[in-house]
Amino acid sequence: MGRTMTEPAVLFVCLGNICRSPMAEGAFQAEAERAGLQVTIESAGTADYHVGEPPDPRAIQTARAHGVDIASLRGRQLVAQDFHRFTHVLVMDHANLAGARAIVPANAPTRPMLLLDLVKGREGAAVADPYYGGEENFEDTWDDVSRAARALVAALLAPD
């Protein structure tokens, strides 16, 4: 039997699913485990550029430096069914938010939103894509996704 919509299931989305969204998946997995939160967690890309590939080596290295192993993750593309499978679809930037919104089925219970909308003072901001930058860009991305992961855990644990 599948998961019910009362159990949290979170999907993180970026463009290629090799930098930002797997880092967010790893950061949130670590925060959820620390909090004892039972949740399904995955990541995806709006494009099919890296389906089946591991995260960017710099993303793996940055996560590992923070005690999180994302090396086993593999890229996949966002599909319409994801809006039925996940209670939260959290997107890294405005372009990918538009891409996600373009495939949401009319009857889907979940709508995508920006990840940083969860972080007080960062609402409406994008998680910058570190792909074309250096290691410091990956650290900046880790900081953003970690802050959002902590905020999401707090929101999921808060009483209704």
C-alpha atoms as a PDB file:
ATOM      1  CA  MET A   1       0.000   0.000   0.000  1.00  0.00           C
ATOM      2  CA  GLY A   2       1.262   3.522  -0.754  1.00  0.00           C
ATOM      3  CA  ARG A   3       1.845   6.382   1.566  1.00  0.00           C
ATOM      4  CA  THR A   4      -1.145   8.453   2.656  1.00  0.00           C
ATOM      5  CA  MET A   5      -1.245  12.195   2.072  1.00  0.00           C
ATOM      6  CA  THR A   6      -1.063  12.734   5.854  1.00  0.00           C
ATOM      7  CA  GLU A   7       2.506  11.399   5.901  1.00  0.00           C
ATOM      8  CA  PRO A   8       4.971  14.045   4.708  1.00  0.00           C
ATOM      9  CA  ALA A   9       6.723  13.397   1.428  1.00  0.00           C
ATOM     10  CA  VAL A  10       9.069  16.054   0.097  1.00  0.00           C
ATOM     11  CA  LEU A  11      10.466  16.467  -3.414  1.00  0.00           C
ATOM     12  CA  PHE A  12      13.232  18.992  -4.082  1.00  0.00           C
ATOM     13  CA  VAL A  13      13.495  20.295  -7.654  1.00  0.00           C
ATOM     14  CA  CYS A  14      16.163  22.117  -9.654  1.00  0.00           C
ATOM     15  CA  LEU A  15      17.135  22.050 -13.337  1.00  0.00           C
ATOM     16  CA  GLY A  16      19.379  19.017 -13.772  1.00  0.00           C
ATOM     17  CA  ASN A  17      19.095  17.293 -10.374  1.00  0.00           C
ATOM     18  CA  ILE A  18      22.863  17.181  -9.834  1.00  0.00           C
ATOM     19  CA  CYS A  19      23.611  20.209  -7.602  1.00  0.00           C
ATOM     20  CA  ARG A  20      20.944  22.087  -5.677  1.00  0.00           C
ATOM     21  CA  SER A  21      18.152  19.540  -5.339  1.00  0.00           C
ATOM     22  CA  PRO A  22      20.328  16.585  -4.260  1.00  0.00           C
ATOM     23  CA  MET A  23      22.084  18.883  -1.772  1.00  0.00           C
ATOM     24  CA  ALA A  24      18.656  19.926  -0.456  1.00  0.00           C
ATOM     25  CA  GLU A  25      17.591  16.276  -0.300  1.00  0.00           C
ATOM     26  CA  GLY A  26      20.682  15.393   1.728  1.00  0.00           C
ATOM     27  CA  ALA A  27      20.427  18.388   4.047  1.00  0.00           C
ATOM     28  CA  PHE A  28      16.753  17.715   4.723  1.00  0.00           C
ATOM     29  CA  GLN A  29      17.349  13.971   5.244  1.00  0.00           C
ATOM     30  CA  ALA A  30      19.955  14.797   7.888  1.00  0.00           C
ATOM     31  CA  GLU A  31      17.708  17.339   9.638  1.00  0.00           C
ATOM     32  CA  ALA A  32      14.695  14.999   9.536  1.00  0.00           C
ATOM     33  CA  GLU A  33      16.743  12.155  11.038  1.00  0.00           C
ATOM     34  CA  ARG A  34      18.046  14.431  13.820  1.00  0.00           C
ATOM     35  CA  ALA A  35      14.465  15.406  14.621  1.00  0.00           C
ATOM     36  CA  GLY A  36      13.120  11.848  14.442  1.00  0.00           C
ATOM     37  CA  LEU A  37      10.786  12.839  11.606  1.00  0.00           C
ATOM     38  CA  GLN A  38       9.479  10.044   9.377  1.00  0.00           C
ATOM     39  CA  VAL A  39       9.278  11.420   5.846  1.00  0.00           C
ATOM     40  CA  THR A  40       9.765  10.343   2.249  1.00  0.00           C
ATOM     41  CA  ILE A  41      12.440  12.459   0.540  1.00  0.00           C
ATOM     42  CA  GLU A  42      13.525  12.618  -3.105  1.00  0.00           C
ATOM     43  CA  SER A  43      14.840  15.111  -5.624  1.00  0.00           C
ATOM     44  CA  ALA A  44      14.294  15.692  -9.337  1.00  0.00           C
ATOM     45  CA  GLY A  45      15.132  18.030 -12.183  1.00  0.00           C
ATOM     46  CA  THR A  46      12.816  19.795 -14.580  1.00  0.00           C
ATOM     47  CA  ALA A  47      15.175  18.819 -17.436  1.00  0.00           C
ATOM     48  CA  ASP A  48      16.375  15.369 -18.435  1.00  0.00           C
ATOM     49  CA  TYR A  49      20.047  16.331 -18.820  1.00  0.00           C
ATOM     50  CA  HIS A  50      21.393  14.096 -16.050  1.00  0.00           C
ATOM     51  CA  VAL A  51      18.878  11.273 -15.606  1.00  0.00           C
ATOM     52  CA  GLY A  52      20.594   8.346 -13.918  1.00  0.00           C
ATOM     53  CA  GLU A  53      23.747  10.313 -13.105  1.00  0.00           C
ATOM     54  CA  PRO A  54      25.176  10.961  -9.628  1.00  0.00           C
ATOM     55  CA  PRO A  55      25.341  14.480  -8.213  1.00  0.00           C
ATOM     56  CA  ASP A  56      28.091  16.838  -9.318  1.00  0.00           C
ATOM     57  CA  PRO A  57      31.360  15.872  -7.546  1.00  0.00           C
ATOM     58  CA  ARG A  58      31.495  19.343  -5.962  1.00  0.00           C
ATOM     59  CA  ALA A  59      27.991  18.850  -4.520  1.00  0.00           C
ATOM     60  CA  ILE A  60      29.020  15.456  -3.143  1.00  0.00           C
ATOM     61  CA  GLN A  61      32.189  16.957  -1.643  1.00  0.00           C
ATOM     62  CA  THR A  62      30.327  19.892  -0.056  1.00  0.00           C
ATOM     63  CA  ALA A  63      27.655  17.662   1.474  1.00  0.00           C
ATOM     64  CA  ARG A  64      30.311  15.240   2.717  1.00  0.00           C
ATOM     65  CA  ALA A  65      32.180  18.126   4.378  1.00  0.00           C
ATOM     66  CA  HIS A  66      28.976  18.697   6.377  1.00  0.00           C
ATOM     67  CA  GLY A  67      28.608  15.026   7.329  1.00  0.00           C
ATOM     68  CA  VAL A  68      26.038  14.132   4.668  1.00  0.00           C
ATOM     69  CA  ASP A  69      26.521  11.482   1.969  1.00  0.00           C
ATOM     70  CA  ILE A  70      24.632  12.144  -1.278  1.00  0.00           C
ATOM     71  CA  ALA A  71      26.918  10.086  -3.556  1.00  0.00           C
ATOM     72  CA  SER A  72      24.353   7.312  -4.052  1.00  0.00           C
ATOM     73  CA  LEU A  73      21.630   9.657  -5.326  1.00  0.00           C
ATOM     74  CA  ARG A  74      20.803   9.544  -9.047  1.00  0.00           C
ATOM     75  CA  GLY A  75      19.203  12.191 -11.204  1.00  0.00           C
ATOM     76  CA  ARG A  76      15.653  11.872 -12.394  1.00  0.00           C
ATOM     77  CA  GLN A  77      13.193  14.130 -14.156  1.00  0.00           C
ATOM     78  CA  LEU A  78      10.142  15.699 -12.553  1.00  0.00           C
ATOM     79  CA  VAL A  79       6.906  14.097 -13.781  1.00  0.00           C
ATOM     80  CA  ALA A  80       3.243  15.038 -13.405  1.00  0.00           C
ATOM     81  CA  GLN A  81       2.610  12.093 -11.042  1.00  0.00           C
ATOM     82  CA  ASP A  82       5.005  13.676  -8.522  1.00  0.00           C
ATOM     83  CA  PHE A  83       2.298  16.199  -7.618  1.00  0.00           C
ATOM     84  CA  HIS A  84       0.162  13.286  -6.439  1.00  0.00           C
ATOM     85  CA  ARG A  85       3.014  11.397  -4.708  1.00  0.00           C
ATOM     86  CA  PHE A  86       4.487  14.271  -2.679  1.00  0.00           C
ATOM     87  CA  THR A  87       2.935  16.566  -0.099  1.00  0.00           C
ATOM     88  CA  HIS A  88       5.611  19.212  -0.781  1.00  0.00           C
ATOM     89  CA  VAL A  89       7.311  20.043  -4.086  1.00  0.00           C
ATOM     90  CA  LEU A  90      10.012  22.598  -3.295  1.00  0.00           C
ATOM     91  CA  VAL A  91      11.740  24.289  -6.204  1.00  0.00           C
ATOM     92  CA  MET A  92      15.073  26.101  -6.178  1.00  0.00           C
ATOM     93  CA  ASP A  93      14.362  29.052  -8.505  1.00  0.00           C
ATOM     94  CA  HIS A  94      11.752  30.916 -10.511  1.00  0.00           C
ATOM     95  CA  ALA A  95      12.529  29.370 -13.914  1.00  0.00           C
ATOM     96  CA  ASN A  96      12.173  25.851 -12.543  1.00  0.00           C
ATOM     97  CA  LEU A  97       9.081  26.887 -10.592  1.00  0.00           C
ATOM     98  CA  ALA A  98       7.521  27.910 -13.909  1.00  0.00           C
ATOM     99  CA  GLY A  99       8.616  24.591 -15.410  1.00  0.00           C
ATOM    100  CA  ALA A 100       7.096  22.659 -12.522  1.00  0.00           C
ATOM    101  CA  ARG A 101       3.870  24.631 -12.670  1.00  0.00           C
ATOM    102  CA  ALA A 102       3.586  23.838 -16.382  1.00  0.00           C
ATOM    103  CA  ILE A 103       3.173  20.114 -15.707  1.00  0.00           C
ATOM    104  CA  VAL A 104       1.012  20.125 -12.549  1.00  0.00           C
ATOM    105  CA  PRO A 105      -2.170  18.166 -13.229  1.00  0.00           C
ATOM    106  CA  ALA A 106      -5.339  20.158 -12.533  1.00  0.00           C
ATOM    107  CA  ASN A 107      -6.490  17.576  -9.970  1.00  0.00           C
ATOM    108  CA  ALA A 108      -3.163  17.281  -8.131  1.00  0.00           C
ATOM    109  CA  PRO A 109      -3.303  17.987  -4.383  1.00  0.00           C
ATOM    110  CA  THR A 110       0.188  19.512  -4.306  1.00  0.00           C
ATOM    111  CA  ARG A 111       1.409  22.738  -5.903  1.00  0.00           C
ATOM    112  CA  PRO A 112       5.091  23.643  -6.232  1.00  0.00           C
ATOM    113  CA  MET A 113       6.620  26.484  -4.241  1.00  0.00           C
ATOM    114  CA  LEU A 114      10.033  28.079  -3.870  1.00  0.00           C
ATOM    115  CA  LEU A 115      12.227  26.380  -1.270  1.00  0.00           C
ATOM    116  CA  LEU A 116      13.396  29.644   0.272  1.00  0.00           C
ATOM    117  CA  ASP A 117       9.796  30.720   0.873  1.00  0.00           C
ATOM    118  CA  LEU A 118      10.215  28.596   4.012  1.00  0.00           C
ATOM    119  CA  VAL A 119      13.026  30.805   5.359  1.00  0.00           C
ATOM    120  CA  LYS A 120      11.987  33.995   7.114  1.00  0.00           C
ATOM    121  CA  GLY A 121      13.462  36.967   5.292  1.00  0.00           C
ATOM    122  CA  ARG A 122      14.281  34.930   2.157  1.00  0.00           C
ATOM    123  CA  GLU A 123      10.748  34.597   0.772  1.00  0.00           C
ATOM    124  CA  GLY A 124      10.701  34.868  -3.022  1.00  0.00           C
ATOM    125  CA  ALA A 125      14.458  34.337  -3.296  1.00  0.00           C
ATOM    126  CA  ALA A 126      16.116  31.672  -5.418  1.00  0.00           C
ATOM    127  CA  VAL A 127      18.802  29.241  -4.376  1.00  0.00           C
ATOM    128  CA  ALA A 128      21.642  30.264  -6.674  1.00  0.00           C
ATOM    129  CA  ASP A 129      22.872  27.600  -9.074  1.00  0.00           C
ATOM    130  CA  PRO A 130      26.491  26.809  -8.128  1.00  0.00           C
ATOM    131  CA  TYR A 131      27.204  24.734 -11.250  1.00  0.00           C
ATOM    132  CA  TYR A 132      29.273  27.332 -13.108  1.00  0.00           C
ATOM    133  CA  GLY A 133      31.000  28.654  -9.989  1.00  0.00           C
ATOM    134  CA  GLY A 134      33.673  27.500  -7.598  1.00  0.00           C
ATOM    135  CA  GLU A 135      33.601  25.600  -4.333  1.00  0.00           C
ATOM    136  CA  GLU A 136      32.485  28.714  -2.440  1.00  0.00           C
ATOM    137  CA  ASN A 137      29.310  28.738  -4.528  1.00  0.00           C
ATOM    138  CA  PHE A 138      28.542  25.205  -3.383  1.00  0.00           C
ATOM    139  CA  GLU A 139      29.047  26.306   0.236  1.00  0.00           C
ATOM    140  CA  ASP A 140      26.582  29.168  -0.308  1.00  0.00           C
ATOM    141  CA  THR A 141      24.088  26.691  -1.761  1.00  0.00           C
ATOM    142  CA  TRP A 142      24.618  24.349   1.199  1.00  0.00           C
ATOM    143  CA  ASP A 143      23.919  27.224   3.589  1.00  0.00           C
ATOM    144  CA  ASP A 144      20.653  28.026   1.781  1.00  0.00           C
ATOM    145  CA  VAL A 145      19.379  24.448   1.574  1.00  0.00           C
ATOM    146  CA  SER A 146      20.388  23.738   5.179  1.00  0.00           C
ATOM    147  CA  ARG A 147      18.501  26.766   6.468  1.00  0.00           C
ATOM    148  CA  ALA A 148      15.469  25.722   4.448  1.00  0.00           C
ATOM    149  CA  ALA A 149      15.775  22.126   5.687  1.00  0.00           C
ATOM    150  CA  ARG A 150      15.710  23.287   9.307  1.00  0.00           C
ATOM    151  CA  ALA A 151      12.708  25.524   8.599  1.00  0.00           C
ATOM    152  CA  LEU A 152      10.851  22.698   6.871  1.00  0.00           C
ATOM    153  CA  VAL A 153      11.471  20.267   9.745  1.00  0.00           C
ATOM    154  CA  ALA A 154      10.193  22.885  12.197  1.00  0.00           C
ATOM    155  CA  ALA A 155       7.091  23.463  10.055  1.00  0.00           C
ATOM    156  CA  LEU A 156       6.364  19.740   9.735  1.00  0.00           C
ATOM    157  CA  LEU A 157       6.743  19.200  13.487  1.00  0.00           C
ATOM    158  CA  ALA A 158       4.609  22.212  14.429  1.00  0.00           C
ATOM    159  CA  PRO A 159       1.118  21.418  15.663  1.00  0.00           C
ATOM    160  CA  ASP A 160      -1.617  22.269  13.175  1.00  0.00           C
END
